[in-house]
């Protein structure tokens, strides 16, 4: 059982339940499947001692958790609402990371830590850190991602075109998903800006198109609470 596969499977059923609800169909079956898989993930794949999920379980009957954690899947569990109770905050706080960023798989199988890192994984981890209000993880994560962009750019011949596109999307998402705090839902668009205390000042995002509207945003100050 892989954490990544089960997290995506659960989220697919959650989205299907929303679609059925919009179409006035019976959404209960898809939602029950989402809940069943979510509960199974938390019961089987959560390691209480380490405070994070394992990457896979080797045996369905006598569950043997792996020693590895997949941080792409862990970020997905936070963003999909699978990591409930205190699990989301705990895994962001207790999962080890390097100065160069969060590894895709921990412990790293590479001799050099950055051989096991990807910009799009760091981007998702940063959004998860903001979701759990972990300023320390977010600060380190933003620094790691922007450092990567400064030294590597998005036209690296060593990386695949797909990887370069994902990396560019990750950097753009930091401004839209975190600084501007844009969240899209069936009901519409929401703004919940978040900036670590060390990122004071004024930030602007202009020309953001959503449906028939165009937004120009100015965010002043730091923190996660909107005063005005």
Protein backbone atom coordinates (compact mmCIF):
# COMPACT_ATOMS: atom_id res chain seq x y z
CA UNK A 1 0.00 0.00 0.00
CA UNK A 2 1.53 3.29 -1.11
CA UNK A 3 0.65 6.54 0.65
CA UNK A 4 0.71 8.56 -2.58
CA UNK A 5 -1.66 6.20 -4.44
CA UNK A 6 -4.16 6.03 -1.59
CA UNK A 7 -4.12 9.79 -0.98
CA UNK A 8 -4.91 10.47 -4.65
CA UNK A 9 -7.55 7.74 -4.68
CA UNK A 10 -9.27 9.27 -1.65
CA UNK A 11 -9.19 12.77 -3.14
CA UNK A 12 -10.64 11.54 -6.44
CA UNK A 13 -13.66 10.15 -4.61
CA UNK A 14 -14.02 13.39 -2.66
CA UNK A 15 -14.06 15.41 -5.89
CA UNK A 16 -16.54 12.96 -7.43
CA UNK A 17 -18.81 13.47 -4.43
CA UNK A 18 -18.72 17.24 -5.04
CA UNK A 19 -19.52 16.73 -8.73
CA UNK A 20 -22.48 14.49 -7.89
CA UNK A 21 -23.72 17.05 -5.39
CA UNK A 22 -23.60 19.79 -8.03
CA UNK A 23 -25.54 17.53 -10.43
CA UNK A 24 -28.09 16.65 -7.72
CA UNK A 25 -26.99 13.01 -7.79
CA UNK A 26 -26.35 10.67 -4.88
CA UNK A 27 -22.93 11.76 -3.58
CA UNK A 28 -22.97 9.61 -0.44
CA UNK A 29 -21.20 6.57 -1.92
CA UNK A 30 -18.17 8.54 -3.15
CA UNK A 31 -17.92 10.45 0.11
CA UNK A 32 -18.11 7.25 2.15
CA UNK A 33 -15.28 5.79 0.07
CA UNK A 34 -13.24 8.94 0.69
CA UNK A 35 -13.82 8.62 4.44
CA UNK A 36 -13.01 4.91 4.43
CA UNK A 37 -9.69 5.37 2.62
CA UNK A 38 -8.83 8.42 4.71
CA UNK A 39 -9.45 6.52 7.96
CA UNK A 40 -7.44 3.55 6.69
CA UNK A 41 -4.48 5.81 5.86
CA UNK A 42 -4.51 7.33 9.33
CA UNK A 43 -4.87 3.97 11.07
CA UNK A 44 -2.35 2.01 8.99
CA UNK A 45 0.24 4.44 7.64
CA UNK A 46 0.64 6.97 10.45
CA UNK A 47 3.72 6.43 12.62
CA UNK A 48 2.95 7.88 16.03
CA UNK A 49 6.55 7.60 17.24
CA UNK A 50 8.01 9.52 14.29
CA UNK A 51 5.07 11.88 13.93
CA UNK A 52 4.67 11.36 10.18
CA UNK A 53 3.32 8.97 7.56
CA UNK A 54 5.34 6.09 6.13
CA UNK A 55 5.71 5.92 2.35
CA UNK A 56 4.20 2.45 2.07
CA UNK A 57 3.02 -0.56 4.05
CA UNK A 58 4.57 -3.85 3.05
CA UNK A 59 1.83 -6.24 4.17
CA UNK A 60 -1.91 -5.63 4.33
CA UNK A 61 -2.52 -8.35 6.95
CA UNK A 62 0.51 -7.83 9.21
CA UNK A 63 1.12 -4.18 8.41
CA UNK A 64 4.83 -3.43 8.30
CA UNK A 65 5.52 0.25 7.82
CA UNK A 66 8.45 1.35 5.69
CA UNK A 67 11.29 3.38 7.19
CA UNK A 68 10.84 5.99 4.47
CA UNK A 69 8.52 8.98 4.22
CA UNK A 70 7.35 10.36 0.87
CA UNK A 71 7.07 14.10 1.39
CA UNK A 72 5.13 14.68 -1.82
CA UNK A 73 2.45 12.33 -0.49
CA UNK A 74 2.66 13.86 3.00
CA UNK A 75 2.03 17.34 1.59
CA UNK A 76 -0.91 15.94 -0.37
CA UNK A 77 -2.36 14.48 2.84
CA UNK A 78 -2.30 17.95 4.41
CA UNK A 79 -3.79 19.69 1.37
CA UNK A 80 -6.45 16.99 0.85
CA UNK A 81 -7.56 17.11 4.48
CA UNK A 82 -6.52 13.50 5.12
CA UNK A 83 -4.12 14.46 7.91
CA UNK A 84 -6.79 15.35 10.43
CA UNK A 85 -6.65 16.20 14.13
CA UNK A 86 -3.06 17.28 14.92
CA UNK A 87 -1.40 15.13 12.27
CA UNK A 88 -0.97 17.93 9.72
CA UNK A 89 0.84 20.24 12.14
CA UNK A 90 2.85 17.38 13.60
CA UNK A 91 4.19 16.00 10.32
CA UNK A 92 5.21 19.43 9.03
CA UNK A 93 7.03 20.14 12.30
CA UNK A 94 8.69 16.75 12.75
CA UNK A 95 9.68 15.70 9.22
CA UNK A 96 13.44 16.38 8.82
CA UNK A 97 14.63 18.65 6.02
CA UNK A 98 17.99 19.79 4.68
CA UNK A 99 19.29 23.34 4.28
CA UNK A 100 18.69 22.90 0.56
CA UNK A 101 15.05 21.99 1.12
CA UNK A 102 12.70 19.13 1.83
CA UNK A 103 13.76 15.78 0.34
CA UNK A 104 11.23 13.95 -1.81
CA UNK A 105 12.01 10.78 0.12
CA UNK A 106 13.40 10.71 3.66
CA UNK A 107 15.87 9.30 4.55
CA UNK A 108 17.52 10.15 1.25
CA UNK A 109 18.89 7.30 -0.82
CA UNK A 110 21.32 9.67 -2.54
CA UNK A 111 24.80 10.47 -1.28
CA UNK A 112 24.07 14.18 -1.78
CA UNK A 113 20.80 15.45 -0.20
CA UNK A 114 19.91 17.62 -3.21
CA UNK A 115 19.95 14.53 -5.42
CA UNK A 116 16.63 13.63 -3.85
CA UNK A 117 14.86 16.98 -4.13
CA UNK A 118 12.44 18.51 -6.61
CA UNK A 119 11.19 22.08 -6.85
CA UNK A 120 7.53 21.11 -7.28
CA UNK A 121 7.67 18.92 -4.15
CA UNK A 122 9.12 21.88 -2.25
CA UNK A 123 6.32 24.07 -3.57
CA UNK A 124 3.59 21.72 -2.34
CA UNK A 125 5.39 21.35 1.00
CA UNK A 126 5.46 25.16 1.37
CA UNK A 127 1.72 25.41 0.75
CA UNK A 128 1.15 22.68 3.34
CA UNK A 129 3.40 24.55 5.80
CA UNK A 130 1.35 27.72 5.29
CA UNK A 131 -1.86 25.72 5.75
CA UNK A 132 -0.62 24.56 9.18
CA UNK A 133 0.72 28.02 10.13
CA UNK A 134 4.29 26.75 10.51
CA UNK A 135 6.32 29.88 9.83
CA UNK A 136 9.68 28.20 10.38
CA UNK A 137 9.02 25.45 7.81
CA UNK A 138 7.57 27.98 5.38
CA UNK A 139 10.51 30.37 5.75
CA UNK A 140 13.06 27.63 5.11
CA UNK A 141 10.94 26.24 2.29
CA UNK A 142 10.60 29.55 0.47
CA UNK A 143 14.33 30.18 0.80
CA UNK A 144 15.08 26.72 -0.61
CA UNK A 145 12.74 27.15 -3.57
CA UNK A 146 13.94 30.65 -4.47
CA UNK A 147 17.55 29.53 -4.09
CA UNK A 148 16.86 26.71 -6.51
CA UNK A 149 15.28 29.13 -9.01
CA UNK A 150 18.23 31.54 -8.73
CA UNK A 151 20.90 28.89 -9.34
CA UNK A 152 19.08 26.61 -11.77
CA UNK A 153 16.48 28.68 -13.58
CA UNK A 154 13.77 26.98 -15.63
CA UNK A 155 15.73 26.04 -18.71
CA UNK A 156 18.13 23.54 -17.20
CA UNK A 157 19.32 21.08 -19.80
CA UNK A 158 19.94 18.54 -17.03
CA UNK A 159 16.23 18.43 -16.16
CA UNK A 160 13.35 17.18 -18.27
CA UNK A 161 10.99 19.74 -19.86
CA UNK A 162 8.23 18.45 -17.60
CA UNK A 163 10.37 19.06 -14.50
CA UNK A 164 11.17 22.62 -15.63
CA UNK A 165 7.47 23.37 -16.17
CA UNK A 166 6.55 21.97 -12.75
CA UNK A 167 9.33 24.01 -11.14
CA UNK A 168 8.08 27.21 -12.78
CA UNK A 169 4.55 26.44 -11.58
CA UNK A 170 5.86 25.90 -8.05
CA UNK A 171 7.56 29.31 -7.94
CA UNK A 172 4.48 31.05 -9.37
CA UNK A 173 2.28 29.27 -6.82
CA UNK A 174 4.20 30.84 -3.94
CA UNK A 175 2.92 34.28 -4.94
CA UNK A 176 -0.61 33.16 -5.79
CA UNK A 177 -1.28 30.43 -3.22
CA UNK A 178 0.67 31.79 -0.24
CA UNK A 179 1.41 35.52 -0.52
CA UNK A 180 -1.97 36.31 -2.11
CA UNK A 181 -3.60 33.30 -0.45
CA UNK A 182 -5.85 32.52 -3.41
CA UNK A 183 -8.11 29.52 -2.87
CA UNK A 184 -10.52 28.35 -5.57
CA UNK A 185 -13.64 26.42 -4.66
CA UNK A 186 -17.00 25.59 -6.27
CA UNK A 187 -18.40 28.62 -4.46
CA UNK A 188 -15.84 31.03 -5.93
CA UNK A 189 -12.51 32.62 -5.08
CA UNK A 190 -11.17 33.38 -1.59
CA UNK A 191 -8.17 35.42 -0.43
CA UNK A 192 -6.24 34.38 2.68
CA UNK A 193 -2.81 36.02 2.31
CA UNK A 194 0.08 34.70 4.38
CA UNK A 195 3.57 36.17 4.72
CA UNK A 196 6.17 35.08 7.30
CA UNK A 197 7.14 37.79 9.78
CA UNK A 198 10.54 38.17 8.11
CA UNK A 199 8.88 39.14 4.80
CA UNK A 200 7.58 42.57 5.73
CA UNK A 201 6.85 45.29 3.22
CA UNK A 202 4.45 45.70 0.34
CA UNK A 203 3.81 43.07 -2.34
CA UNK A 204 1.65 43.43 -5.41
CA UNK A 205 0.13 40.95 -7.82
CA UNK A 206 -1.60 42.39 -10.87
CA UNK A 207 -3.60 41.05 -13.77
CA UNK A 208 -4.86 37.90 -12.04
CA UNK A 209 -7.69 36.61 -14.20
CA UNK A 210 -10.50 34.52 -12.74
CA UNK A 211 -13.60 33.80 -14.80
CA UNK A 212 -14.89 37.20 -15.94
CA UNK A 213 -12.87 39.22 -13.42
CA UNK A 214 -9.31 40.61 -13.22
CA UNK A 215 -7.76 41.22 -9.79
CA UNK A 216 -4.97 43.58 -8.79
CA UNK A 217 -3.83 42.81 -5.24
CA UNK A 218 -1.68 44.76 -2.79
CA UNK A 219 -0.58 43.02 0.41
CA UNK A 220 1.02 45.11 3.15
CA UNK A 221 2.69 43.67 6.24
CA UNK A 222 3.20 40.11 7.44
CA UNK A 223 1.32 37.34 9.23
CA UNK A 224 -1.80 35.37 8.41
CA UNK A 225 -4.61 37.54 9.80
CA UNK A 226 -6.21 40.23 7.67
CA UNK A 227 -6.77 43.43 9.66
CA UNK A 228 -8.17 45.48 6.82
